[in-house]
N, C-alpha and C. Protein backbone atom coordinates (compact mmCIF):
# COMPACT_ATOMS: atom_id res chain seq x y z
N UNK A 1 -17.98 69.34 -44.50
CA UNK A 1 -16.88 69.49 -43.68
C UNK A 1 -15.55 69.66 -44.67
N UNK A 2 -14.15 70.47 -44.42
CA UNK A 2 -13.40 70.53 -45.32
C UNK A 2 -12.75 69.10 -45.56
N UNK A 3 -12.46 68.62 -46.60
CA UNK A 3 -11.42 67.44 -46.88
C UNK A 3 -10.50 67.43 -45.98
N UNK A 4 -9.37 68.21 -46.01
CA UNK A 4 -8.14 68.16 -44.94
C UNK A 4 -8.79 68.16 -43.46
N UNK A 5 -9.60 68.56 -42.95
CA UNK A 5 -9.98 68.73 -41.42
C UNK A 5 -10.53 67.35 -41.45
N UNK A 6 -11.46 66.71 -42.05
CA UNK A 6 -11.94 65.77 -42.02
C UNK A 6 -11.10 64.35 -41.94
N UNK A 7 -9.74 64.43 -42.83
CA UNK A 7 -8.79 63.41 -43.05
C UNK A 7 -7.86 63.35 -41.62
N UNK A 8 -8.11 64.66 -40.80
CA UNK A 8 -7.21 64.82 -39.39
C UNK A 8 -8.28 64.39 -38.48
N UNK A 9 -9.59 64.25 -38.84
CA UNK A 9 -10.16 63.81 -37.26
C UNK A 9 -10.38 62.04 -37.94
N UNK A 10 -10.31 62.08 -38.72
CA UNK A 10 -10.69 60.66 -38.84
C UNK A 10 -9.41 59.59 -38.94
N UNK A 11 -8.08 59.94 -38.82
CA UNK A 11 -7.09 59.48 -38.86
C UNK A 11 -6.82 58.42 -37.57
N UNK A 12 -6.50 57.31 -37.79
CA UNK A 12 -6.36 56.41 -36.49
C UNK A 12 -4.77 55.60 -36.52
N UNK A 13 -4.38 55.37 -35.49
CA UNK A 13 -3.21 54.64 -35.26
C UNK A 13 -3.37 52.80 -35.50
N UNK A 14 -3.05 52.73 -36.49
CA UNK A 14 -3.59 51.15 -36.95
C UNK A 14 -2.51 50.32 -36.49
N UNK A 15 -2.73 49.09 -35.95
CA UNK A 15 -1.99 48.13 -35.22
C UNK A 15 -2.22 46.63 -35.47
N UNK A 16 -2.71 46.79 -36.65
CA UNK A 16 -2.49 45.24 -36.96
C UNK A 16 -3.11 45.71 -38.70
N UNK A 17 -1.91 44.97 -39.46
CA UNK A 17 -1.83 45.23 -41.05
C UNK A 17 -1.97 43.75 -41.62
N UNK A 18 -2.07 43.97 -43.20
CA UNK A 18 -1.92 42.90 -43.79
C UNK A 18 -0.61 42.67 -44.58
N UNK A 19 -0.23 41.93 -44.93
CA UNK A 19 0.90 41.69 -45.53
C UNK A 19 1.53 42.30 -46.87
N UNK A 20 0.16 42.99 -47.62
CA UNK A 20 0.43 43.39 -48.74
C UNK A 20 1.35 44.80 -48.70
N UNK A 21 2.18 44.69 -49.52
CA UNK A 21 2.99 46.07 -49.88
C UNK A 21 2.21 46.84 -50.58
N UNK A 22 2.76 48.08 -50.26
CA UNK A 22 2.07 49.75 -50.82
C UNK A 22 2.61 49.75 -52.10
N UNK A 23 1.90 50.33 -53.23
CA UNK A 23 2.69 50.49 -54.10
C UNK A 23 3.71 51.81 -54.15
N UNK A 24 4.84 51.71 -55.15
CA UNK A 24 5.77 52.51 -54.83
C UNK A 24 5.14 54.10 -54.77
N UNK A 25 4.32 54.39 -56.14
CA UNK A 25 3.79 55.65 -56.35
C UNK A 25 3.11 56.42 -55.01
N UNK A 26 2.19 55.27 -54.23
CA UNK A 26 1.97 55.82 -52.76
C UNK A 26 2.74 55.93 -52.08
N UNK A 27 3.49 55.27 -51.84
CA UNK A 27 4.84 55.41 -50.81
C UNK A 27 5.53 56.70 -50.78
N UNK A 28 6.00 56.99 -52.54
CA UNK A 28 6.50 58.17 -52.56
C UNK A 28 5.67 59.39 -52.52
N UNK A 29 4.26 59.45 -52.57
CA UNK A 29 3.24 60.61 -52.45
C UNK A 29 3.65 60.54 -50.84
N UNK A 30 3.69 59.99 -49.95
CA UNK A 30 3.69 59.78 -48.46
C UNK A 30 4.92 60.63 -48.17
N UNK A 31 6.11 59.91 -48.68
CA UNK A 31 7.32 60.46 -48.33
C UNK A 31 7.39 61.77 -48.87
N UNK A 32 6.81 62.06 -49.90
CA UNK A 32 7.09 63.56 -50.16
C UNK A 32 6.39 64.86 -49.33
N UNK A 33 4.99 64.12 -48.82
CA UNK A 33 4.13 64.82 -47.93
C UNK A 33 5.38 65.21 -46.64
N UNK A 34 6.02 64.06 -46.02
CA UNK A 34 7.03 64.28 -45.13
C UNK A 34 7.69 65.36 -45.06
N UNK A 35 8.26 65.55 -46.27
CA UNK A 35 9.52 66.46 -46.85
C UNK A 35 8.89 67.71 -46.95
N UNK A 36 7.71 68.13 -46.58
CA UNK A 36 7.21 69.31 -46.55
C UNK A 36 6.47 69.72 -45.30
N UNK A 37 6.93 69.35 -44.20
CA UNK A 37 6.54 69.60 -43.27
C UNK A 37 7.31 70.73 -42.66
N UNK A 38 6.39 71.50 -41.72
CA UNK A 38 7.31 72.88 -41.27
C UNK A 38 8.78 72.32 -40.60
N UNK A 39 9.99 73.47 -40.60
CA UNK A 39 10.80 72.95 -39.43
C UNK A 39 11.27 74.43 -39.12
N UNK A 40 11.75 74.30 -38.13
CA UNK A 40 12.39 75.54 -37.76
C UNK A 40 13.40 76.36 -38.48
N UNK A 41 13.22 77.28 -38.28
CA UNK A 41 14.02 78.42 -39.62
C UNK A 41 14.31 77.50 -40.97
N UNK A 42 13.20 76.58 -41.30
CA UNK A 42 13.53 76.10 -42.61
C UNK A 42 14.59 75.35 -42.23
N UNK A 43 15.17 74.81 -41.72
CA UNK A 43 16.68 74.21 -41.50
C UNK A 43 16.43 72.78 -42.24
N UNK A 44 15.11 72.15 -42.31
CA UNK A 44 14.91 71.07 -42.61
C UNK A 44 15.94 69.81 -42.04
N UNK A 45 15.99 69.74 -40.86
CA UNK A 45 16.84 68.64 -40.31
C UNK A 45 16.52 67.60 -40.32
N UNK A 46 15.63 67.13 -40.50
CA UNK A 46 14.85 65.46 -40.73
C UNK A 46 15.29 65.07 -41.65
N UNK A 47 15.55 63.36 -41.92
CA UNK A 47 15.63 62.66 -43.01
C UNK A 47 14.83 61.67 -42.98
N UNK A 48 14.44 61.07 -43.92
CA UNK A 48 13.31 59.51 -43.83
C UNK A 48 14.00 58.47 -44.61
N UNK A 49 14.07 57.17 -43.78
CA UNK A 49 14.63 56.11 -44.15
C UNK A 49 13.69 55.59 -44.63
N UNK A 50 13.19 55.20 -45.88
CA UNK A 50 12.21 54.36 -46.38
C UNK A 50 12.94 52.84 -46.49
N UNK A 51 12.09 51.58 -45.25
CA UNK A 51 12.34 50.43 -45.45
C UNK A 51 11.29 49.63 -45.78
N UNK A 52 11.39 48.92 -47.06
CA UNK A 52 10.56 47.93 -47.77
C UNK A 52 11.33 46.53 -47.69
N UNK A 53 12.67 46.75 -47.58
CA UNK A 53 13.33 45.41 -47.69
C UNK A 53 13.07 44.63 -46.42
N UNK A 54 12.16 43.37 -46.68
CA UNK A 54 11.64 42.64 -45.26
C UNK A 54 12.73 42.18 -44.46
N UNK A 55 13.97 41.81 -44.97
CA UNK A 55 14.87 41.51 -44.01
C UNK A 55 15.42 42.63 -42.78
N UNK A 56 15.66 43.76 -43.45
CA UNK A 56 16.10 44.67 -42.92
C UNK A 56 15.03 45.27 -42.13
N UNK A 57 13.74 45.17 -42.36
CA UNK A 57 12.83 45.57 -41.31
C UNK A 57 12.56 44.37 -40.67
N UNK A 58 12.92 43.39 -40.46
CA UNK A 58 13.00 42.42 -39.46
C UNK A 58 13.67 42.51 -38.43
N UNK A 59 14.86 43.07 -38.90
CA UNK A 59 16.15 43.18 -38.20
C UNK A 59 15.93 44.55 -36.99
N UNK A 60 15.28 45.58 -37.87
CA UNK A 60 15.05 46.66 -37.10
C UNK A 60 14.39 46.47 -35.83
N UNK A 61 13.16 45.73 -36.32
CA UNK A 61 11.59 44.99 -35.37
C UNK A 61 12.05 44.37 -34.39
N UNK A 62 13.28 43.56 -34.62
CA UNK A 62 14.18 42.81 -33.42
C UNK A 62 14.62 43.83 -32.14
N UNK A 63 15.16 44.76 -33.23
CA UNK A 63 16.36 45.65 -32.66
C UNK A 63 14.97 46.46 -31.17
N UNK A 64 14.19 47.02 -32.03
CA UNK A 64 13.14 47.69 -31.48
C UNK A 64 12.18 46.94 -30.29
N UNK A 65 12.05 45.41 -30.51
CA UNK A 65 11.27 45.00 -29.45
C UNK A 65 12.60 44.48 -28.19
N UNK A 66 13.81 44.29 -28.46
CA UNK A 66 14.63 44.37 -27.25
C UNK A 66 14.97 45.43 -26.84
N UNK A 67 14.67 46.62 -27.16
CA UNK A 67 14.64 47.74 -26.36
C UNK A 67 13.77 47.61 -25.38
N UNK A 68 12.46 47.60 -26.11
CA UNK A 68 11.13 47.37 -25.51
C UNK A 68 11.25 46.38 -24.26
N UNK A 69 11.80 45.48 -24.23
CA UNK A 69 12.33 44.40 -23.59
C UNK A 69 11.30 43.14 -23.62
N UNK A 70 10.83 43.06 -24.85
CA UNK A 70 10.04 41.79 -25.03
C UNK A 70 10.55 41.48 -26.74
N UNK A 71 11.29 40.73 -26.71
CA UNK A 71 12.09 40.24 -28.11
C UNK A 71 11.19 39.22 -28.56
N UNK A 72 9.91 39.05 -28.21
CA UNK A 72 9.30 37.86 -28.88
C UNK A 72 7.95 38.39 -29.62
N UNK A 73 7.87 39.84 -29.60
CA UNK A 73 6.98 40.37 -30.65
C UNK A 73 7.15 41.20 -31.25
N UNK A 74 6.58 41.63 -32.42
CA UNK A 74 6.85 42.67 -33.29
C UNK A 74 6.43 43.82 -33.10
N UNK A 75 7.10 44.73 -32.93
CA UNK A 75 6.41 46.02 -32.41
C UNK A 75 5.78 46.83 -33.56
N UNK A 76 5.98 46.39 -34.94
CA UNK A 76 5.70 46.94 -35.82
C UNK A 76 4.27 46.32 -36.56
N UNK A 77 3.88 45.34 -35.76
CA UNK A 77 2.39 45.02 -36.19
C UNK A 77 2.19 44.31 -37.27
N UNK A 78 3.30 43.96 -37.98
CA UNK A 78 3.17 43.19 -39.21
C UNK A 78 3.04 44.39 -40.51
N UNK A 79 3.32 45.50 -40.06
CA UNK A 79 3.14 46.54 -41.05
C UNK A 79 4.47 46.07 -42.29
N UNK A 80 4.20 46.22 -43.39
CA UNK A 80 5.53 45.96 -44.36
C UNK A 80 6.37 46.98 -44.73
N UNK A 81 5.92 48.22 -44.27
CA UNK A 81 7.13 49.80 -44.67
C UNK A 81 7.34 50.02 -43.18
N UNK A 82 8.14 50.72 -43.14
CA UNK A 82 8.94 51.55 -42.00
C UNK A 82 9.37 52.78 -42.65
N UNK A 83 9.06 53.71 -42.27
CA UNK A 83 9.88 55.09 -42.57
C UNK A 83 10.16 55.34 -40.97
N UNK A 84 11.59 55.49 -41.29
CA UNK A 84 12.32 56.03 -40.16
C UNK A 84 12.70 57.44 -40.08
N UNK A 85 12.54 58.08 -39.10
CA UNK A 85 12.39 59.68 -39.10
C UNK A 85 13.82 59.60 -38.19
N UNK A 86 14.80 60.58 -38.58
CA UNK A 86 15.99 61.21 -37.83
C UNK A 86 16.09 62.65 -38.11
N UNK A 87 16.88 63.16 -37.25
CA UNK A 87 17.00 64.56 -37.15
C UNK A 87 18.31 64.91 -36.68
N UNK A 88 18.93 65.81 -37.11
CA UNK A 88 20.06 66.35 -36.80
C UNK A 88 20.44 66.93 -35.43
N UNK A 89 20.98 66.39 -34.77
CA UNK A 89 20.73 66.98 -33.19
C UNK A 89 21.51 68.37 -33.16
N UNK A 90 22.53 68.67 -33.97
CA UNK A 90 22.42 70.21 -34.00
C UNK A 90 21.66 71.35 -34.18
N UNK A 91 20.48 70.72 -34.65
CA UNK A 91 19.58 71.89 -34.73
C UNK A 91 18.86 71.99 -33.88
N UNK A 92 18.41 73.21 -33.02
CA UNK A 92 17.89 73.27 -31.58
C UNK A 92 16.39 72.61 -31.75
N UNK A 93 15.68 72.61 -32.95
CA UNK A 93 14.08 72.20 -33.09
C UNK A 93 14.09 70.88 -34.04
N UNK A 94 15.02 69.72 -33.59
CA UNK A 94 14.96 69.06 -34.46
C UNK A 94 14.10 67.73 -33.85
N UNK A 95 13.88 68.06 -32.47
CA UNK A 95 12.70 67.00 -31.95
C UNK A 95 11.65 67.42 -32.53
N UNK A 96 11.29 68.66 -32.36
CA UNK A 96 10.04 69.23 -33.11
C UNK A 96 9.81 69.08 -34.96
N UNK A 97 11.08 69.20 -35.47
CA UNK A 97 11.04 69.30 -37.02
C UNK A 97 10.65 67.58 -37.18
N UNK A 98 11.36 66.72 -36.50
CA UNK A 98 11.29 65.40 -37.04
C UNK A 98 9.85 64.89 -36.55
N UNK A 99 9.21 65.51 -35.40
CA UNK A 99 7.68 65.27 -35.06
C UNK A 99 6.95 65.74 -35.95
N UNK A 100 6.77 66.81 -36.79
CA UNK A 100 6.23 67.46 -38.03
C UNK A 100 5.95 66.28 -39.07
N UNK A 101 7.10 65.88 -39.05
CA UNK A 101 7.40 65.14 -40.35
C UNK A 101 6.75 63.90 -40.50
N UNK A 102 6.50 63.45 -38.93
CA UNK A 102 6.25 62.11 -38.40
C UNK A 102 4.49 62.27 -39.00
N UNK A 103 3.89 63.49 -38.17
CA UNK A 103 2.69 63.92 -38.57
C UNK A 103 2.05 64.37 -39.98
N UNK A 104 2.88 64.50 -40.84
CA UNK A 104 2.54 64.78 -42.21
C UNK A 104 2.40 63.30 -42.91
N UNK A 105 3.38 62.44 -42.51
CA UNK A 105 3.63 61.11 -42.86
C UNK A 105 2.38 60.54 -42.62
N UNK A 106 1.75 60.20 -41.25
CA UNK A 106 0.44 59.63 -41.07
C UNK A 106 -0.47 60.33 -41.72
N UNK A 107 -0.68 61.67 -41.65
CA UNK A 107 -1.93 62.13 -42.47
C UNK A 107 -1.93 62.13 -43.80
N UNK A 108 -1.16 62.02 -44.62
CA UNK A 108 -0.73 61.56 -46.06
C UNK A 108 -1.07 60.23 -46.04
N UNK A 109 -0.86 59.13 -45.60
CA UNK A 109 -0.95 57.86 -45.69
C UNK A 109 -2.65 57.79 -45.68
N UNK A 110 -2.90 58.23 -44.33
CA UNK A 110 -4.57 58.35 -44.09
C UNK A 110 -5.05 58.75 -45.24
N UNK A 111 -4.96 59.84 -46.16
CA UNK A 111 -5.63 60.38 -47.13
C UNK A 111 -5.69 59.56 -48.37
N UNK A 112 -4.94 58.88 -48.56
CA UNK A 112 -4.38 57.64 -49.50
C UNK A 112 -5.06 56.38 -49.23
N UNK A 113 -5.55 56.01 -48.18
CA UNK A 113 -5.92 54.97 -47.74
C UNK A 113 -5.12 53.62 -47.06
N UNK A 114 -4.15 54.24 -46.63
CA UNK A 114 -2.99 53.57 -46.08
C UNK A 114 -3.03 53.88 -44.57
N UNK A 115 -3.33 52.64 -43.84
CA UNK A 115 -2.45 52.78 -42.13
C UNK A 115 -1.39 53.13 -41.68
N UNK A 116 -1.18 53.72 -40.78
CA UNK A 116 -0.20 54.02 -40.22
C UNK A 116 -0.34 54.04 -38.57
N UNK A 117 0.98 54.25 -37.73
CA UNK A 117 1.10 54.22 -36.67
C UNK A 117 2.41 55.11 -36.15
N UNK A 118 2.70 55.54 -35.39
CA UNK A 118 4.33 56.19 -34.79
C UNK A 118 4.45 55.28 -33.91
N UNK A 119 5.61 54.39 -34.21
CA UNK A 119 6.22 53.53 -33.05
C UNK A 119 7.39 54.22 -32.90
N UNK A 120 7.78 54.32 -31.16
CA UNK A 120 8.86 54.82 -30.61
C UNK A 120 10.05 53.90 -30.65
N UNK A 121 11.02 54.45 -29.58
CA UNK A 121 12.04 53.65 -29.49
C UNK A 121 13.37 53.93 -30.66
N UNK A 122 12.76 54.71 -31.78
CA UNK A 122 13.81 55.17 -32.42
C UNK A 122 15.30 55.96 -32.22
N UNK A 123 15.11 56.63 -30.84
CA UNK A 123 16.04 57.65 -30.34
C UNK A 123 16.96 56.40 -29.93
N UNK A 124 16.68 55.34 -28.82
CA UNK A 124 17.18 54.49 -28.27
C UNK A 124 17.81 53.58 -29.50
N UNK A 125 17.22 52.77 -30.44
CA UNK A 125 17.60 52.35 -31.71
C UNK A 125 19.26 52.78 -32.07
N UNK A 126 19.12 54.12 -32.54
CA UNK A 126 20.22 54.57 -33.21
C UNK A 126 21.19 55.12 -32.24
N UNK A 127 20.89 55.21 -30.80
CA UNK A 127 21.98 55.47 -30.17
C UNK A 127 22.88 54.05 -29.61
N UNK A 128 22.64 52.70 -30.51
CA UNK A 128 23.19 51.50 -30.29
C UNK A 128 24.04 51.37 -31.05
N UNK A 129 24.99 50.64 -30.92
CA UNK A 129 25.81 50.29 -31.89
C UNK A 129 25.63 49.87 -33.35
N UNK A 130 24.67 49.12 -32.91
CA UNK A 130 23.80 48.17 -34.31
C UNK A 130 23.61 49.17 -34.83
N UNK A 131 22.54 50.40 -34.54
CA UNK A 131 21.92 51.34 -35.10
C UNK A 131 22.98 52.25 -35.60
N UNK A 132 23.84 52.63 -34.94
CA UNK A 132 24.71 53.26 -35.74
C UNK A 132 25.31 52.91 -36.75
N UNK A 133 26.10 51.33 -36.75
CA UNK A 133 26.43 50.94 -37.68
C UNK A 133 25.31 50.97 -39.12
N UNK A 134 24.23 50.57 -38.50
CA UNK A 134 23.27 50.64 -40.03
C UNK A 134 23.07 51.75 -40.78
N UNK A 135 23.23 52.98 -40.05
CA UNK A 135 23.28 54.34 -40.56
C UNK A 135 24.60 54.11 -41.60
N UNK A 136 25.58 53.98 -40.71
CA UNK A 136 26.88 53.70 -41.65
C UNK A 136 26.80 53.00 -42.95
N UNK A 137 26.10 51.67 -42.75
CA UNK A 137 25.93 50.94 -43.93
C UNK A 137 25.13 51.37 -45.01
N UNK A 138 24.25 52.13 -44.79
CA UNK A 138 23.28 53.20 -45.56
C UNK A 138 23.89 54.21 -46.54
N UNK A 139 25.15 54.59 -45.64
CA UNK A 139 25.59 56.10 -46.06
C UNK A 139 25.27 56.99 -45.67
N UNK A 140 24.83 57.05 -44.43
CA UNK A 140 24.08 58.24 -43.56
C UNK A 140 25.19 58.75 -42.80
N UNK A 141 25.80 59.54 -42.88
CA UNK A 141 26.55 60.43 -41.98
C UNK A 141 25.80 61.88 -41.25
N UNK A 142 26.55 61.64 -40.15
CA UNK A 142 26.08 62.86 -39.41
C UNK A 142 25.53 62.70 -37.84
N UNK A 143 25.22 63.62 -36.96
CA UNK A 143 25.24 63.10 -35.69
C UNK A 143 23.22 63.24 -35.60
N UNK A 144 22.83 62.07 -35.78
CA UNK A 144 21.22 62.02 -35.72
C UNK A 144 20.76 61.54 -35.03
N UNK A 145 19.71 62.11 -34.53
CA UNK A 145 18.70 61.30 -33.29
C UNK A 145 17.76 60.72 -34.11
N UNK A 146 16.99 59.70 -33.57
CA UNK A 146 16.04 58.68 -33.88
C UNK A 146 14.62 59.57 -33.52
N UNK A 147 13.73 60.15 -34.20
CA UNK A 147 12.45 60.61 -33.77
C UNK A 147 11.39 59.55 -33.72
N UNK A 148 11.12 58.83 -34.60
CA UNK A 148 10.11 57.90 -34.65
C UNK A 148 10.23 56.94 -36.05
N UNK A 149 9.20 55.92 -35.85
CA UNK A 149 8.89 54.99 -36.75
C UNK A 149 7.87 55.45 -37.41
N UNK A 150 7.47 56.09 -38.57
CA UNK A 150 5.84 55.83 -39.13
C UNK A 150 5.88 54.05 -40.02
N UNK A 151 5.24 53.59 -39.45
CA UNK A 151 4.72 52.18 -40.06
C UNK A 151 3.59 52.49 -40.65
N UNK A 152 3.72 51.66 -42.06
CA UNK A 152 2.32 51.89 -43.06
C UNK A 152 2.43 50.50 -43.69
N UNK A 153 1.03 50.74 -43.99
CA UNK A 153 0.37 49.16 -44.37
C UNK A 153 -1.22 49.46 -44.65
N UNK A 154 -1.75 48.03 -45.41
CA UNK A 154 -3.14 48.22 -45.71
C UNK A 154 -3.46 47.84 -44.15
N UNK A 155 -4.62 48.45 -43.53
CA UNK A 155 -5.23 47.97 -42.01
C UNK A 155 -5.76 46.73 -42.42
N UNK A 156 -5.79 45.79 -41.34
CA UNK A 156 -6.46 44.75 -41.06
C UNK A 156 -7.70 44.72 -40.37
N UNK A 157 -7.59 46.13 -39.50
CA UNK A 157 -8.22 46.32 -38.62
C UNK A 157 -8.17 47.84 -38.20
N UNK A 158 -9.38 48.58 -37.73
CA UNK A 158 -9.24 50.07 -37.89
C UNK A 158 -9.83 50.11 -36.29
N UNK A 159 -9.39 51.01 -35.35
CA UNK A 159 -9.64 50.96 -34.12
C UNK A 159 -10.54 52.22 -34.09
N UNK A 160 -11.46 51.88 -32.93
CA UNK A 160 -12.69 52.40 -32.81
C UNK A 160 -12.23 53.96 -32.39
N UNK A 161 -13.35 54.98 -32.57
CA UNK A 161 -12.76 56.34 -32.09
C UNK A 161 -13.19 56.44 -30.79
N UNK A 162 -12.45 56.90 -30.11
CA UNK A 162 -12.71 57.48 -28.56
C UNK A 162 -12.61 58.95 -28.81
N UNK A 163 -13.94 59.08 -27.80
CA UNK A 163 -14.40 60.34 -27.23
C UNK A 163 -13.07 61.17 -26.91
N UNK A 164 -13.07 62.36 -27.21
CA UNK A 164 -12.42 63.31 -26.60
C UNK A 164 -12.31 63.89 -25.15
N UNK A 165 -11.36 63.93 -24.61
CA UNK A 165 -11.26 64.19 -23.29
C UNK A 165 -11.81 65.46 -22.96
N UNK A 166 -12.64 66.16 -21.55
CA UNK A 166 -12.94 67.27 -20.96
C UNK A 166 -11.99 67.94 -21.05
N UNK A 167 -12.61 68.99 -20.91
CA UNK A 167 -11.49 69.96 -20.67
C UNK A 167 -10.18 70.24 -21.67
N UNK A 168 -10.36 69.83 -23.01
CA UNK A 168 -9.30 69.78 -24.07
C UNK A 168 -8.77 71.00 -24.45
N UNK A 169 -9.57 72.11 -24.62
CA UNK A 169 -9.42 73.10 -25.06
C UNK A 169 -10.22 74.31 -23.79
N UNK A 170 -9.01 75.17 -23.77
CA UNK A 170 -9.50 76.13 -22.43
C UNK A 170 -9.54 77.57 -23.54
N UNK A 171 -10.58 78.28 -23.65
CA UNK A 171 -10.90 79.59 -24.28
C UNK A 171 -10.37 80.90 -23.35
N UNK A 172 -9.72 81.91 -23.81
CA UNK A 172 -9.29 83.12 -23.18
C UNK A 172 -9.76 83.81 -23.89
N UNK A 173 -11.01 84.72 -23.49
CA UNK A 173 -11.45 85.65 -24.10
C UNK A 173 -11.35 86.80 -23.86
């Protein structure tokens, strides 16, 4: 089987992580792959915020948990790295563009032996005053919409493969 196809088929959403940090060179490779995701009219409307600072990671986790309605959990499953993907709202394909970035990040991570998972509520986070202030404090200006969080780390357990549903594909020949 082709190595790329194998990688796509074998990737899983990891929901239990070791606390070990990912080496910077691997993180940079994953991020680079994200920047090469297709985008509508090649506008490249997305940006990636790479968070490895534990204090900021924990602050974002608390905000995400509050939005989720369960402030006593870590929605990032102990992952030490959070890649926040945002995209400029002025681009008509911004949600799709950011989603493709997320896919590239997760598939690149898997190809390097790093676990990943897409965590939602980025849109809601960066609509809050706290989220807007965070962007401002990082020097990020523009009308961005949160697309998702790609959490990264070394997997503490790998989920089982679930069978594909019936009638997933319809051929019209």
